[in-house]
Amino acid sequence: MTRRTRVTAWLAAALVALGLSAAVAYMLTRNQPGGIADIGGPIDLASMNGGRFTDADIGGKPYAIFFGFTRCPNVCPTTLSDLTLDLDQLGPLADKIQVVFVSVDPDRDTPATMKEYLSAFDPRIMGVTGTPDEIAAIAKDYRVFYRKVPTDSGDYTMDHTASVYLMNAKGHFVGTLAFEENRDTQLAKLKKLAENG
């Protein structure tokens, strides 16, 4: 075998290896029905404005969805305040995304309670609630953790996932906003979500 033949054979083998690697990488990273992670599902809950709020009401926009409760002492008001500032800073781009706040405390958070609570934040944030079974179903779809925690007063509070889930216009999971994430980073993620759809 001449040197030229050996080099040609080596290059051919390398190209085949690269092709196989690319094919495997594509199979592992291509978008699945649920996006890069199988998070998300249909939304059909009671709207704070009355009636039902469903996927159709999102109007094919990308959306940010956050799970919490109106008596939350820290995480929820902080996150909703940050989202309010973000929407304001996004300007016209803010109209290209929908923000949804889902109660994980359906025993206390009625649609009217949600509406009153969210009146302190950006009016574009939609509050939704539901029956305990409905909330359990959507929390399972979004892999959200929540549970009642008894307090010394005989009442209870809620533990819950603190991240905001970012979903593209197809309802596929594309990322999160972490609790108290750097504001510039958070804003950049929402801007990208609004621009990319």
Foldseek 3Di string as FASTA:
>chain_A
DDPVVVVVVVVVVVVVVVVVVVVVVCVQQPQDLQGSDQAFDWAWFAWLVGDTDTLVNQVLAKEKEFEEALVDDPLVVQVQQLVQVLLVVLPPLSVRYAYEYEYQCQVPDDSPNQVVSCVVGDPRYIYGYHDNVSSVVNCVRRVKDKDWAADPVRRTHMDIARWIFIAASSRHTDDIDHGVPPSVVVSVVSSCRSVVD
